[in-house]
Amino acid sequence: MTVRVAGVSKRVLRNCTFELPGGGVTALVGANGAGKTTLLNVLAGHLTADSGHVAVAGRVAFVAQDKPMYKGFTPLDVLRFGGHMNKVWDEYKAHSWLHRYKVPLKRRCGELSAGQRAHVAFALALGSRPDVLLLDEPLSELDPLARRRVVRDLLAEVADTGMTLLYSTHVVAELGGVADRLLLLSNGKLIVDGDTDELLGQHVEITGPAADQPPVRGDVVLARHYDRQSTFLVRCQGEAVAEEPWSARPVTLEELVVAHLEAVA
């Protein structure tokens, strides 16, 4: 395992435990204040856990949500700084990222757009050739088209290098087809942890006449009742077979996440 977290508590985080294999993409999801940034800072070594144990194998790079950098530096200055500060440094990879996104190399960072500064932070992180890349709301300053392109390029980096990518987001709609694994935080507690395909296979929405319980075996994540109809999101034990007058349908990852968050709200 590349990342091991056992019983970690810090600020809002409460007894957080999980493991991440190498070479995968994990989405860290939760509402604002759920503990995502705190957890990433603990993994990056910027914060020390109050209790528990953290082990991260290899080199770690962290792109913070505010992407701090010296405003008087140019992107070239930032990369030179990165070359001096990192024992392993890939100048070509860092420059290639800036060239790909047409970031002005000699303009001061204080004069760049928020999206351009984000790309400087990405270039600095990738130039260090990390084994584990931690991203805190990395796409918030980019337009939708740029977000899709960045995600595609980051997935290519994971495939080419075998690095482990853990990124936090509250835009659940962006997770489809991207994340291999889901970590869902609510009020500092890890409430869902698993392979995204397996989680989607386990959850089903059951709809039928008004009832207290669904007609399938499993844990009811969320129930909604109306005058003549009930809808249950169920984490099933085995295949969910719903007979008339009931119907069953698979759920999207966004529906799964929202239901679990609503259930503990």
C-alpha atoms as a PDB file:
ATOM      1  CA  MET A   1       0.000   0.000   0.000  1.00  0.00           C
ATOM      2  CA  THR A   2       1.218   3.501  -0.846  1.00  0.00           C
ATOM      3  CA  VAL A   3      -0.840   5.298   1.804  1.00  0.00           C
ATOM      4  CA  ARG A   4      -1.869   3.895   5.183  1.00  0.00           C
ATOM      5  CA  VAL A   5      -3.937   5.876   7.673  1.00  0.00           C
ATOM      6  CA  ALA A   6      -4.892   4.281  10.991  1.00  0.00           C
ATOM      7  CA  GLY A   7      -7.065   5.913  13.641  1.00  0.00           C
ATOM      8  CA  VAL A   8      -6.052   9.470  12.723  1.00  0.00           C
ATOM      9  CA  SER A   9      -7.686  12.355  14.565  1.00  0.00           C
ATOM     10  CA  LYS A  10      -6.867  16.023  14.037  1.00  0.00           C
ATOM     11  CA  ARG A  11      -9.160  19.002  14.506  1.00  0.00           C
ATOM     12  CA  VAL A  12     -12.410  17.911  12.837  1.00  0.00           C
ATOM     13  CA  LEU A  13     -11.024  14.490  11.805  1.00  0.00           C
ATOM     14  CA  ARG A  14     -12.158  11.618  14.005  1.00  0.00           C
ATOM     15  CA  ASN A  15     -10.570   8.178  14.003  1.00  0.00           C
ATOM     16  CA  CYS A  16      -9.953   8.085  10.243  1.00  0.00           C
ATOM     17  CA  THR A  17      -8.662   4.775   8.849  1.00  0.00           C
ATOM     18  CA  PHE A  18      -8.054   3.691   5.248  1.00  0.00           C
ATOM     19  CA  GLU A  19      -5.437   2.323   2.833  1.00  0.00           C
ATOM     20  CA  LEU A  20      -4.705   3.301  -0.769  1.00  0.00           C
ATOM     21  CA  PRO A  21      -2.908   1.024  -3.236  1.00  0.00           C
ATOM     22  CA  GLY A  22      -0.277   2.417  -5.544  1.00  0.00           C
ATOM     23  CA  GLY A  23      -1.073   3.719  -8.997  1.00  0.00           C
ATOM     24  CA  GLY A  24      -4.733   4.546  -8.439  1.00  0.00           C
ATOM     25  CA  VAL A  25      -6.922   7.645  -8.437  1.00  0.00           C
ATOM     26  CA  THR A  26      -8.887   8.317  -5.259  1.00  0.00           C
ATOM     27  CA  ALA A  27     -11.470  11.063  -4.836  1.00  0.00           C
ATOM     28  CA  LEU A  28     -11.801  12.585  -1.378  1.00  0.00           C
ATOM     29  CA  VAL A  29     -15.325  13.955  -1.174  1.00  0.00           C
ATOM     30  CA  GLY A  30     -17.256  15.848   1.464  1.00  0.00           C
ATOM     31  CA  ALA A  31     -19.016  19.090   2.228  1.00  0.00           C
ATOM     32  CA  ASN A  32     -17.040  22.189   3.181  1.00  0.00           C
ATOM     33  CA  GLY A  33     -15.673  21.715   6.681  1.00  0.00           C
ATOM     34  CA  ALA A  34     -15.810  17.919   6.518  1.00  0.00           C
ATOM     35  CA  GLY A  35     -12.042  17.623   7.111  1.00  0.00           C
ATOM     36  CA  LYS A  36     -10.709  17.108   3.571  1.00  0.00           C
ATOM     37  CA  THR A  37      -8.043  19.825   3.732  1.00  0.00           C
ATOM     38  CA  THR A  38      -6.973  18.775   7.222  1.00  0.00           C
ATOM     39  CA  LEU A  39      -6.555  15.174   6.094  1.00  0.00           C
ATOM     40  CA  LEU A  40      -4.488  16.179   3.053  1.00  0.00           C
ATOM     41  CA  ASN A  41      -2.247  18.379   5.187  1.00  0.00           C
ATOM     42  CA  VAL A  42      -1.684  15.499   7.597  1.00  0.00           C
ATOM     43  CA  LEU A  43      -0.763  13.212   4.676  1.00  0.00           C
ATOM     44  CA  ALA A  44       1.570  15.873   3.264  1.00  0.00           C
ATOM     45  CA  GLY A  45       3.329  16.208   6.621  1.00  0.00           C
ATOM     46  CA  HIS A  46       2.265  19.825   7.131  1.00  0.00           C
ATOM     47  CA  LEU A  47       0.185  18.880  10.176  1.00  0.00           C
ATOM     48  CA  THR A  48       0.849  16.273  12.865  1.00  0.00           C
ATOM     49  CA  ALA A  49      -2.063  14.047  13.828  1.00  0.00           C
ATOM     50  CA  ASP A  50      -3.247  14.306  17.433  1.00  0.00           C
ATOM     51  CA  SER A  51      -3.616  10.523  17.449  1.00  0.00           C
ATOM     52  CA  GLY A  52      -3.235   7.623  15.072  1.00  0.00           C
ATOM     53  CA  HIS A  53      -0.599   6.751  12.496  1.00  0.00           C
ATOM     54  CA  VAL A  54       0.129   7.832   8.918  1.00  0.00           C
ATOM     55  CA  ALA A  55       2.509   6.149   6.476  1.00  0.00           C
ATOM     56  CA  VAL A  56       3.052   7.483   2.950  1.00  0.00           C
ATOM     57  CA  ALA A  57       5.550   5.656   0.740  1.00  0.00           C
ATOM     58  CA  GLY A  58       7.885   7.628  -1.514  1.00  0.00           C
ATOM     59  CA  ARG A  59       7.981  11.269  -2.577  1.00  0.00           C
ATOM     60  CA  VAL A  60       4.903  13.397  -1.902  1.00  0.00           C
ATOM     61  CA  ALA A  61       3.748  16.539  -3.700  1.00  0.00           C
ATOM     62  CA  PHE A  62       0.854  18.681  -2.495  1.00  0.00           C
ATOM     63  CA  VAL A  63      -1.071  21.338  -4.425  1.00  0.00           C
ATOM     64  CA  ALA A  64      -2.974  23.389  -1.859  1.00  0.00           C
ATOM     65  CA  GLN A  65      -6.330  24.978  -2.531  1.00  0.00           C
ATOM     66  CA  ASP A  66      -4.940  28.533  -2.369  1.00  0.00           C
ATOM     67  CA  LYS A  67      -1.821  27.570  -4.398  1.00  0.00           C
ATOM     68  CA  PRO A  68       0.537  29.988  -2.605  1.00  0.00           C
ATOM     69  CA  MET A  69       3.595  31.332  -4.452  1.00  0.00           C
ATOM     70  CA  TYR A  70       5.751  34.450  -4.455  1.00  0.00           C
ATOM     71  CA  LYS A  71       3.918  37.075  -6.502  1.00  0.00           C
ATOM     72  CA  GLY A  72       7.204  38.579  -7.672  1.00  0.00           C
ATOM     73  CA  PHE A  73       8.428  35.266  -9.087  1.00  0.00           C
ATOM     74  CA  THR A  74       7.886  34.367 -12.712  1.00  0.00           C
ATOM     75  CA  PRO A  75       6.921  30.786 -13.610  1.00  0.00           C
ATOM     76  CA  LEU A  76      10.551  30.289 -14.654  1.00  0.00           C
ATOM     77  CA  ASP A  77      11.663  31.442 -11.200  1.00  0.00           C
ATOM     78  CA  VAL A  78       9.217  29.005  -9.591  1.00  0.00           C
ATOM     79  CA  LEU A  79      10.616  26.099 -11.593  1.00  0.00           C
ATOM     80  CA  ARG A  80      14.216  27.095 -10.810  1.00  0.00           C
ATOM     81  CA  PHE A  81      13.238  27.158  -7.152  1.00  0.00           C
ATOM     82  CA  GLY A  82      11.677  23.725  -7.557  1.00  0.00           C
ATOM     83  CA  GLY A  83      14.869  22.413  -9.103  1.00  0.00           C
ATOM     84  CA  HIS A  84      16.906  23.640  -6.122  1.00  0.00           C
ATOM     85  CA  MET A  85      14.470  22.352  -3.485  1.00  0.00           C
ATOM     86  CA  ASN A  86      13.833  18.846  -4.835  1.00  0.00           C
ATOM     87  CA  LYS A  87      16.397  16.062  -4.875  1.00  0.00           C
ATOM     88  CA  VAL A  88      14.545  14.586  -7.841  1.00  0.00           C
ATOM     89  CA  TRP A  89      13.546  17.133 -10.460  1.00  0.00           C
ATOM     90  CA  ASP A  90      12.225  16.709 -14.005  1.00  0.00           C
ATOM     91  CA  GLU A  91      12.718  20.057 -15.721  1.00  0.00           C
ATOM     92  CA  TYR A  92      11.275  18.801 -18.991  1.00  0.00           C
ATOM     93  CA  LYS A  93       8.042  17.574 -17.388  1.00  0.00           C
ATOM     94  CA  ALA A  94       7.520  20.841 -15.523  1.00  0.00           C
ATOM     95  CA  HIS A  95       8.172  23.000 -18.590  1.00  0.00           C
ATOM     96  CA  SER A  96       6.021  20.754 -20.774  1.00  0.00           C
ATOM     97  CA  TRP A  97       2.998  21.348 -18.549  1.00  0.00           C
ATOM     98  CA  LEU A  98       3.399  25.129 -18.734  1.00  0.00           C
ATOM     99  CA  HIS A  99       3.925  24.989 -22.489  1.00  0.00           C
ATOM    100  CA  ARG A 100       0.868  22.766 -22.967  1.00  0.00           C
ATOM    101  CA  TYR A 101      -1.354  25.281 -21.195  1.00  0.00           C
ATOM    102  CA  LYS A 102       0.328  28.344 -22.713  1.00  0.00           C
ATOM    103  CA  VAL A 103       1.384  29.912 -19.397  1.00  0.00           C
ATOM    104  CA  PRO A 104       3.585  33.027 -19.948  1.00  0.00           C
ATOM    105  CA  LEU A 105       6.963  32.012 -18.528  1.00  0.00           C
ATOM    106  CA  LYS A 106       8.341  35.500 -17.867  1.00  0.00           C
ATOM    107  CA  ARG A 107       5.259  37.199 -16.465  1.00  0.00           C
ATOM    108  CA  ARG A 108       5.179  37.619 -12.696  1.00  0.00           C
ATOM    109  CA  CYS A 109       2.892  35.223 -10.879  1.00  0.00           C
ATOM    110  CA  GLY A 110       1.060  38.154  -9.309  1.00  0.00           C
ATOM    111  CA  GLU A 111       0.023  39.194 -12.807  1.00  0.00           C
ATOM    112  CA  LEU A 112      -1.178  35.754 -13.915  1.00  0.00           C
ATOM    113  CA  SER A 113      -4.812  34.676 -13.874  1.00  0.00           C
ATOM    114  CA  ALA A 114      -5.979  32.286 -11.174  1.00  0.00           C
ATOM    115  CA  GLY A 115      -6.083  29.470 -13.712  1.00  0.00           C
ATOM    116  CA  GLN A 116      -2.537  30.198 -14.894  1.00  0.00           C
ATOM    117  CA  ARG A 117      -1.268  30.190 -11.313  1.00  0.00           C
ATOM    118  CA  ALA A 118      -2.959  26.823 -10.857  1.00  0.00           C
ATOM    119  CA  HIS A 119      -0.979  25.473 -13.804  1.00  0.00           C
ATOM    120  CA  VAL A 120       2.271  26.780 -12.298  1.00  0.00           C
ATOM    121  CA  ALA A 121       1.409  24.839  -9.124  1.00  0.00           C
ATOM    122  CA  PHE A 122       0.673  21.697 -11.169  1.00  0.00           C
ATOM    123  CA  ALA A 123       3.959  22.055 -13.064  1.00  0.00           C
ATOM    124  CA  LEU A 124       5.914  22.458  -9.824  1.00  0.00           C
ATOM    125  CA  ALA A 125       4.252  19.398  -8.300  1.00  0.00           C
ATOM    126  CA  LEU A 126       4.698  17.161 -11.339  1.00  0.00           C
ATOM    127  CA  GLY A 127       8.297  18.280 -11.854  1.00  0.00           C
ATOM    128  CA  SER A 128       9.174  16.708  -8.505  1.00  0.00           C
ATOM    129  CA  ARG A 129       8.089  13.336  -9.946  1.00  0.00           C
ATOM    130  CA  PRO A 130       5.987  12.405  -6.897  1.00  0.00           C
ATOM    131  CA  ASP A 131       5.004   8.893  -5.941  1.00  0.00           C
ATOM    132  CA  VAL A 132       1.931  10.373  -4.257  1.00  0.00           C
ATOM    133  CA  LEU A 133       0.243  13.533  -5.540  1.00  0.00           C
ATOM    134  CA  LEU A 134      -2.216  15.255  -3.196  1.00  0.00           C
ATOM    135  CA  LEU A 135      -4.558  17.856  -4.690  1.00  0.00           C
ATOM    136  CA  ASP A 136      -6.909  20.037  -2.635  1.00  0.00           C
ATOM    137  CA  GLU A 137      -9.840  21.281  -4.773  1.00  0.00           C
ATOM    138  CA  PRO A 138      -7.379  21.536  -7.683  1.00  0.00           C
ATOM    139  CA  LEU A 139      -9.810  22.475 -10.457  1.00  0.00           C
ATOM    140  CA  SER A 140     -11.886  25.160  -8.758  1.00  0.00           C
ATOM    141  CA  GLU A 141     -10.180  28.029 -10.631  1.00  0.00           C
ATOM    142  CA  LEU A 142     -10.442  26.473 -14.097  1.00  0.00           C
ATOM    143  CA  ASP A 143     -13.283  26.671 -16.599  1.00  0.00           C
ATOM    144  CA  PRO A 144     -15.192  23.447 -17.448  1.00  0.00           C
ATOM    145  CA  LEU A 145     -13.260  22.754 -20.642  1.00  0.00           C
ATOM    146  CA  ALA A 146      -9.902  23.267 -18.909  1.00  0.00           C
ATOM    147  CA  ARG A 147     -11.009  21.035 -16.015  1.00  0.00           C
ATOM    148  CA  ARG A 148     -11.732  18.157 -18.370  1.00  0.00           C
ATOM    149  CA  ARG A 149      -8.376  18.594 -20.091  1.00  0.00           C
ATOM    150  CA  VAL A 150      -6.450  18.748 -16.814  1.00  0.00           C
ATOM    151  CA  VAL A 151      -8.192  15.630 -15.511  1.00  0.00           C
ATOM    152  CA  ARG A 152      -7.310  13.806 -18.724  1.00  0.00           C
ATOM    153  CA  ASP A 153      -3.667  14.854 -18.451  1.00  0.00           C
ATOM    154  CA  LEU A 154      -3.452  13.896 -14.781  1.00  0.00           C
ATOM    155  CA  LEU A 155      -4.903  10.468 -15.548  1.00  0.00           C
ATOM    156  CA  ALA A 156      -2.254  10.080 -18.236  1.00  0.00           C
ATOM    157  CA  GLU A 157       0.432  10.925 -15.656  1.00  0.00           C
ATOM    158  CA  VAL A 158      -0.955   8.243 -13.337  1.00  0.00           C
ATOM    159  CA  ALA A 159      -0.905   5.689 -16.162  1.00  0.00           C
ATOM    160  CA  ASP A 160       2.601   6.646 -17.327  1.00  0.00           C
ATOM    161  CA  THR A 161       4.332   6.951 -13.955  1.00  0.00           C
ATOM    162  CA  GLY A 162       2.336   4.711 -11.605  1.00  0.00           C
ATOM    163  CA  MET A 163       1.924   7.506  -9.077  1.00  0.00           C
ATOM    164  CA  THR A 164      -0.968   7.534  -6.627  1.00  0.00           C
ATOM    165  CA  LEU A 165      -3.353  10.471  -6.997  1.00  0.00           C
ATOM    166  CA  LEU A 166      -5.597  11.626  -4.147  1.00  0.00           C
ATOM    167  CA  TYR A 167      -7.666  14.704  -4.797  1.00  0.00           C
ATOM    168  CA  SER A 168     -10.406  16.420  -2.865  1.00  0.00           C
ATOM    169  CA  THR A 169     -13.492  17.879  -4.465  1.00  0.00           C
ATOM    170  CA  HIS A 170     -17.056  18.817  -3.686  1.00  0.00           C
ATOM    171  CA  VAL A 171     -18.069  18.767  -7.377  1.00  0.00           C
ATOM    172  CA  VAL A 172     -19.297  15.189  -7.388  1.00  0.00           C
ATOM    173  CA  ALA A 173     -20.418  15.340 -11.022  1.00  0.00           C
ATOM    174  CA  GLU A 174     -16.737  15.423 -12.062  1.00  0.00           C
ATOM    175  CA  LEU A 175     -15.988  12.006 -10.550  1.00  0.00           C
ATOM    176  CA  GLY A 176     -17.663   9.818 -13.146  1.00  0.00           C
ATOM    177  CA  GLY A 177     -15.109   7.747 -15.048  1.00  0.00           C
ATOM    178  CA  VAL A 178     -12.220   9.374 -13.159  1.00  0.00           C
ATOM    179  CA  ALA A 179     -11.854   7.988  -9.644  1.00  0.00           C
ATOM    180  CA  ASP A 180     -11.007   4.334  -8.984  1.00  0.00           C
ATOM    181  CA  ARG A 181     -11.765   4.775  -5.303  1.00  0.00           C
ATOM    182  CA  LEU A 182     -13.984   6.968  -3.151  1.00  0.00           C
ATOM    183  CA  LEU A 183     -13.367   8.335   0.324  1.00  0.00           C
ATOM    184  CA  LEU A 184     -16.435  10.149   1.654  1.00  0.00           C
ATOM    185  CA  LEU A 185     -16.033  12.341   4.729  1.00  0.00           C
ATOM    186  CA  SER A 186     -18.810  13.830   6.814  1.00  0.00           C
ATOM    187  CA  ASN A 187     -18.138  15.895   9.926  1.00  0.00           C
ATOM    188  CA  GLY A 188     -14.643  14.447  10.173  1.00  0.00           C
ATOM    189  CA  LYS A 189     -15.724  10.800   9.943  1.00  0.00           C
ATOM    190  CA  LEU A 190     -15.059   8.488   7.026  1.00  0.00           C
ATOM    191  CA  ILE A 191     -18.519   7.160   6.136  1.00  0.00           C
ATOM    192  CA  VAL A 192     -17.782   5.491   2.768  1.00  0.00           C
ATOM    193  CA  ASP A 193     -14.526   3.912   1.576  1.00  0.00           C
ATOM    194  CA  GLY A 194     -14.319   1.647  -1.420  1.00  0.00           C
ATOM    195  CA  ASP A 195     -13.771   0.923  -5.086  1.00  0.00           C
ATOM    196  CA  THR A 196     -16.174   3.101  -7.070  1.00  0.00           C
ATOM    197  CA  ASP A 197     -17.344   0.305  -9.397  1.00  0.00           C
ATOM    198  CA  GLU A 198     -17.966  -2.008  -6.447  1.00  0.00           C
ATOM    199  CA  LEU A 199     -19.847   0.722  -4.571  1.00  0.00           C
ATOM    200  CA  LEU A 200     -22.037   1.444  -7.592  1.00  0.00           C
ATOM    201  CA  GLY A 201     -22.730  -2.265  -7.972  1.00  0.00           C
ATOM    202  CA  GLN A 202     -23.836  -2.524  -4.341  1.00  0.00           C
ATOM    203  CA  HIS A 203     -26.219   0.449  -4.332  1.00  0.00           C
ATOM    204  CA  VAL A 204     -29.638   0.465  -5.955  1.00  0.00           C
ATOM    205  CA  GLU A 205     -32.699   2.699  -5.811  1.00  0.00           C
ATOM    206  CA  ILE A 206     -35.946   0.852  -5.090  1.00  0.00           C
ATOM    207  CA  THR A 207     -39.285   2.579  -5.794  1.00  0.00           C
ATOM    208  CA  GLY A 208     -42.781   1.322  -5.137  1.00  0.00           C
ATOM    209  CA  PRO A 209     -45.918   1.741  -3.017  1.00  0.00           C
ATOM    210  CA  ALA A 210     -45.719   3.454   0.353  1.00  0.00           C
ATOM    211  CA  ALA A 211     -43.918   1.127   2.763  1.00  0.00           C
ATOM    212  CA  ASP A 212     -41.726   1.126   5.849  1.00  0.00           C
ATOM    213  CA  GLN A 213     -39.083  -1.155   4.326  1.00  0.00           C
ATOM    214  CA  PRO A 214     -37.906  -2.069   0.791  1.00  0.00           C
ATOM    215  CA  PRO A 215     -38.556  -5.580  -0.584  1.00  0.00           C
ATOM    216  CA  VAL A 216     -34.841  -6.414  -0.917  1.00  0.00           C
ATOM    217  CA  ARG A 217     -32.123  -7.381   1.556  1.00  0.00           C
ATOM    218  CA  GLY A 218     -29.570  -4.766   2.504  1.00  0.00           C
ATOM    219  CA  ASP A 219     -28.863  -1.616   4.482  1.00  0.00           C
ATOM    220  CA  VAL A 220     -31.183   1.294   3.791  1.00  0.00           C
ATOM    221  CA  VAL A 221     -28.975   4.325   3.235  1.00  0.00           C
ATOM    222  CA  LEU A 222     -31.815   6.781   2.681  1.00  0.00           C
ATOM    223  CA  ALA A 223     -35.608   6.526   2.531  1.00  0.00           C
ATOM    224  CA  ARG A 224     -38.024   9.046   1.067  1.00  0.00           C
ATOM    225  CA  HIS A 225     -41.757   8.686   1.626  1.00  0.00           C
ATOM    226  CA  TYR A 226     -44.601  10.360  -0.214  1.00  0.00           C
ATOM    227  CA  ASP A 227     -48.391   9.976  -0.032  1.00  0.00           C
ATOM    228  CA  ARG A 228     -48.547   6.835  -2.176  1.00  0.00           C
ATOM    229  CA  GLN A 229     -44.918   6.035  -2.912  1.00  0.00           C
ATOM    230  CA  SER A 230     -41.675   5.208  -1.141  1.00  0.00           C
ATOM    231  CA  THR A 231     -38.148   5.342  -2.533  1.00  0.00           C
ATOM    232  CA  PHE A 232     -35.205   3.621  -0.847  1.00  0.00           C
ATOM    233  CA  LEU A 233     -31.520   3.788  -1.651  1.00  0.00           C
ATOM    234  CA  VAL A 234     -30.222   0.421  -0.487  1.00  0.00           C
ATOM    235  CA  ARG A 235     -26.716  -0.976  -0.128  1.00  0.00           C
ATOM    236  CA  CYS A 236     -27.625  -4.497  -1.087  1.00  0.00           C
ATOM    237  CA  GLN A 237     -26.388  -7.864   0.053  1.00  0.00           C
ATOM    238  CA  GLY A 238     -26.203  -9.660  -3.274  1.00  0.00           C
ATOM    239  CA  GLU A 239     -28.297  -8.948  -6.372  1.00  0.00           C
ATOM    240  CA  ALA A 240     -31.350  -6.745  -5.885  1.00  0.00           C
ATOM    241  CA  VAL A 241     -34.409  -8.255  -7.557  1.00  0.00           C
ATOM    242  CA  ALA A 242     -37.545  -6.108  -7.297  1.00  0.00           C
ATOM    243  CA  GLU A 243     -40.869  -7.573  -8.386  1.00  0.00           C
ATOM    244  CA  GLU A 244     -43.999  -5.673  -9.357  1.00  0.00           C
ATOM    245  CA  PRO A 245     -45.189  -3.231  -8.194  1.00  0.00           C
ATOM    246  CA  TRP A 246     -41.609  -2.368  -7.200  1.00  0.00           C
ATOM    247  CA  SER A 247     -38.886  -1.208  -9.585  1.00  0.00           C
ATOM    248  CA  ALA A 248     -35.112  -1.042  -9.178  1.00  0.00           C
ATOM    249  CA  ARG A 249     -32.535   1.071 -10.958  1.00  0.00           C
ATOM    250  CA  PRO A 250     -28.779   1.657 -10.572  1.00  0.00           C
ATOM    251  CA  VAL A 251     -27.619   4.961  -9.136  1.00  0.00           C
ATOM    252  CA  THR A 252     -24.974   7.400 -10.270  1.00  0.00           C
ATOM    253  CA  LEU A 253     -21.941   8.161  -8.144  1.00  0.00           C
ATOM    254  CA  GLU A 254     -23.346  11.610  -7.470  1.00  0.00           C
ATOM    255  CA  GLU A 255     -26.641  10.132  -6.226  1.00  0.00           C
ATOM    256  CA  LEU A 256     -24.733   7.679  -4.024  1.00  0.00           C
ATOM    257  CA  VAL A 257     -22.631  10.434  -2.448  1.00  0.00           C
ATOM    258  CA  VAL A 258     -25.545  12.816  -1.922  1.00  0.00           C
ATOM    259  CA  ALA A 259     -27.672  10.088  -0.330  1.00  0.00           C
ATOM    260  CA  HIS A 260     -24.968   9.114   2.177  1.00  0.00           C
ATOM    261  CA  LEU A 261     -24.352  12.759   3.078  1.00  0.00           C
ATOM    262  CA  GLU A 262     -28.072  13.457   3.436  1.00  0.00           C
ATOM    263  CA  ALA A 263     -28.472  10.381   5.636  1.00  0.00           C
ATOM    264  CA  VAL A 264     -26.009  11.686   8.227  1.00  0.00           C
ATOM    265  CA  ALA A 265     -26.906  15.361   7.980  1.00  0.00           C
END
